[in-house]
Amino acid sequence: MDFASYVTGFIDGEGCFSVSFNYREKLKTKIEVRPSFAIGQNKRSLEILKKIRQFFTCGYIRFSKSDQCFKYEVRNIDELRKFIIPHFRKFPLMTTKKADFEIFSIICGKVAQMKHRNSEHLKEIIQMAFRMNCSGKRKYKEAELLSVLDKLKI
C-alpha cells in the first residue's frame, strides 16, 4: 500500500476535522472561526505524526498537556485548502468521518472567500459546523453563538 492511502486510513481512524469558535470583540461579527485538521497520538506514536507532517509539508506538532498527547495540526486556511483538502479528494475517507470532511471543506471555502465576516454567512457556517463531530466537546453552544449574531446590527 502506498503512504498516501495509508495516511487516509490512519486519519479515518485517528484524525479529526473540526471548526471551533471564539469570541473576539474586535471583529465585526464578534465571533472568530477556526477550522482545524488534527491527529492526536501518544508519545509512543510520535514518529508517525512526524512522517504525516512531512508528507503534507504543512502544519505543526505540539504537545497537549490536557490529554498528554502529541497533536499534529493544520489550522492555516491556505494550507488546509492547498494540501489537506485535495489529499482527501484524491484519497477519500471511508468512514462517517467523510461527512465531517465534506462539511469542513465547504466551510474552509467560505472562510477563504471571507464569507465568515458577514453575519448571515457566519450563521450558516455555525449551523454547518454543529452538524460535524456530534460527540465532540464544544466551548460554546450553537444557540449561544447564533444569539450573538442576532443581536448585531450588521
Protein backbone atom coordinates (compact mmCIF):
# COMPACT_ATOMS: atom_id res chain seq x y z
CA MET A 1 0.00 0.00 0.00
CA ASP A 2 1.27 3.48 -0.80
CA PHE A 3 1.76 6.01 2.00
CA ALA A 4 -0.98 8.37 0.73
CA SER A 5 -3.60 5.63 1.11
CA TYR A 6 -2.15 4.68 4.49
CA VAL A 7 -2.49 8.31 5.63
CA THR A 8 -6.17 8.39 4.65
CA GLY A 9 -6.83 5.15 6.52
CA PHE A 10 -4.96 6.41 9.56
CA ILE A 11 -6.93 9.67 9.56
CA ASP A 12 -10.19 7.73 9.09
CA GLY A 13 -9.49 6.18 12.49
CA GLU A 14 -7.47 8.80 14.32
CA GLY A 15 -7.98 12.19 12.64
CA CYS A 16 -10.41 15.00 13.25
CA PHE A 17 -11.81 17.77 11.08
CA SER A 18 -13.30 20.47 13.27
CA VAL A 19 -14.40 24.07 13.30
CA SER A 20 -14.22 25.94 16.58
CA PHE A 21 -15.42 29.39 17.51
CA ASN A 22 -14.11 32.06 19.88
CA TYR A 23 -15.43 35.44 20.89
CA ARG A 24 -13.36 38.34 19.59
CA GLU A 25 -14.61 41.83 20.45
CA LYS A 26 -12.51 43.45 17.72
CA LEU A 27 -14.32 41.53 14.96
CA LYS A 28 -17.43 42.98 13.35
CA THR A 29 -19.30 39.70 13.94
CA LYS A 30 -17.69 39.24 17.41
CA ILE A 31 -17.02 35.58 16.52
CA GLU A 32 -13.79 34.07 15.20
CA VAL A 33 -13.98 30.92 13.03
CA ARG A 34 -11.15 28.39 13.35
CA PRO A 35 -11.13 25.38 11.02
CA SER A 36 -8.65 22.72 12.11
CA PHE A 37 -7.39 19.33 10.97
CA ALA A 38 -5.73 17.33 13.76
CA ILE A 39 -4.42 13.92 14.76
CA GLY A 40 -3.63 13.07 18.38
CA GLN A 41 -1.26 10.29 19.42
CA ASN A 42 0.54 9.03 22.49
CA LYS A 43 4.27 9.84 22.58
CA ARG A 44 4.99 6.24 21.55
CA SER A 45 3.49 7.10 18.13
CA LEU A 46 5.18 10.49 17.69
CA GLU A 47 7.22 9.19 14.73
CA ILE A 48 4.11 8.55 12.60
CA LEU A 49 2.91 12.11 13.28
CA LYS A 50 6.29 13.39 12.08
CA LYS A 51 6.01 11.30 8.89
CA ILE A 52 2.47 12.55 8.25
CA ARG A 53 3.55 16.16 8.84
CA GLN A 54 6.42 15.63 6.40
CA PHE A 55 4.01 14.05 3.90
CA PHE A 56 1.63 17.04 3.98
CA THR A 57 4.53 19.58 4.17
CA CYS A 58 2.50 21.88 6.43
CA GLY A 59 1.15 22.24 9.94
CA TYR A 60 2.92 21.62 13.22
CA ILE A 61 3.23 19.10 16.04
CA ARG A 62 2.64 20.19 19.61
CA PHE A 63 2.27 18.53 22.99
CA SER A 64 -1.17 18.83 24.59
CA LYS A 65 -0.93 18.94 28.37
CA SER A 66 -4.69 18.44 28.75
CA ASP A 67 -4.67 14.89 27.36
CA GLN A 68 -0.92 14.15 27.49
CA CYS A 69 -0.74 13.50 23.72
CA PHE A 70 1.11 14.90 20.77
CA LYS A 71 -1.07 16.57 18.17
CA TYR A 72 -0.36 17.20 14.53
CA GLU A 73 -2.46 20.21 13.50
CA VAL A 74 -3.11 22.29 10.42
CA ARG A 75 -5.07 25.48 11.06
CA ASN A 76 -3.87 27.77 8.29
CA ILE A 77 -6.74 28.13 5.81
CA ASP A 78 -4.41 28.30 2.80
CA GLU A 79 -2.57 25.14 3.88
CA LEU A 80 -5.86 23.34 4.56
CA ARG A 81 -7.07 24.20 1.05
CA LYS A 82 -3.76 23.55 -0.71
CA PHE A 83 -2.61 20.33 0.99
CA ILE A 84 -5.19 18.71 3.26
CA ILE A 85 -8.47 19.01 1.33
CA PRO A 86 -7.00 17.97 -2.07
CA HIS A 87 -5.47 14.86 -0.46
CA PHE A 88 -8.85 13.64 0.78
CA ARG A 89 -10.45 14.42 -2.57
CA LYS A 90 -7.88 12.18 -4.25
CA PHE A 91 -7.80 9.54 -1.47
CA PRO A 92 -11.34 9.60 0.01
CA LEU A 93 -12.22 8.73 3.57
CA MET A 94 -14.41 5.66 4.04
CA THR A 95 -16.00 6.07 7.48
CA THR A 96 -18.58 8.53 8.76
CA LYS A 97 -15.67 10.97 9.01
CA LYS A 98 -16.21 11.54 5.28
CA ALA A 99 -19.38 13.55 6.05
CA ASP A 100 -17.45 15.75 8.52
CA PHE A 101 -14.77 16.27 5.88
CA GLU A 102 -17.33 17.37 3.27
CA ILE A 103 -18.81 19.99 5.62
CA PHE A 104 -15.29 21.01 6.70
CA SER A 105 -14.18 21.59 3.09
CA ILE A 106 -17.25 23.75 2.37
CA ILE A 107 -16.59 25.83 5.50
CA CYS A 108 -12.92 26.25 4.54
CA GLY A 109 -14.05 27.53 1.14
CA LYS A 110 -16.39 30.05 2.76
CA VAL A 111 -13.65 31.23 5.13
CA ALA A 112 -11.21 31.61 2.21
CA GLN A 113 -13.83 33.78 0.47
CA MET A 114 -14.13 35.86 3.68
CA LYS A 115 -17.82 34.97 4.00
CA HIS A 116 -17.36 34.38 7.74
CA ARG A 117 -17.12 38.15 8.12
CA ASN A 118 -20.78 38.52 7.18
CA SER A 119 -23.27 37.63 9.91
CA GLU A 120 -25.70 35.78 7.62
CA HIS A 121 -22.96 33.61 6.14
CA LEU A 122 -21.45 33.13 9.59
CA LYS A 123 -24.82 31.79 10.82
CA GLU A 124 -24.68 29.20 8.02
CA ILE A 125 -21.10 28.30 8.94
CA ILE A 126 -22.03 27.86 12.62
CA GLN A 127 -25.02 25.68 11.74
CA MET A 128 -22.90 23.56 9.39
CA ALA A 129 -20.10 23.19 11.95
CA PHE A 130 -22.52 21.92 14.58
CA ARG A 131 -23.51 19.08 12.22
CA MET A 132 -19.90 17.86 12.45
CA ASN A 133 -18.37 15.84 15.30
CA CYS A 134 -21.64 15.49 17.16
CA SER A 135 -19.94 13.67 20.02
CA GLY A 136 -17.13 16.22 20.33
CA LYS A 137 -16.63 18.77 23.11
CA ARG A 138 -17.57 22.36 22.34
CA LYS A 139 -16.70 25.51 24.23
CA TYR A 140 -19.92 27.28 23.20
CA LYS A 141 -23.39 26.05 22.31
CA GLU A 142 -24.79 26.69 18.83
CA ALA A 143 -27.71 28.74 20.18
CA GLU A 144 -25.33 30.91 22.20
CA LEU A 145 -23.24 31.77 19.11
CA LEU A 146 -26.30 32.41 16.96
CA SER A 147 -27.80 34.71 19.60
CA VAL A 148 -24.65 36.88 19.48
CA LEU A 149 -25.18 37.33 15.74
CA ASP A 150 -28.88 38.06 16.19
CA LYS A 151 -28.01 40.98 18.46
CA LEU A 152 -25.71 42.61 15.92
CA LYS A 153 -26.87 45.38 13.61
CA ILE A 154 -24.84 44.36 10.56
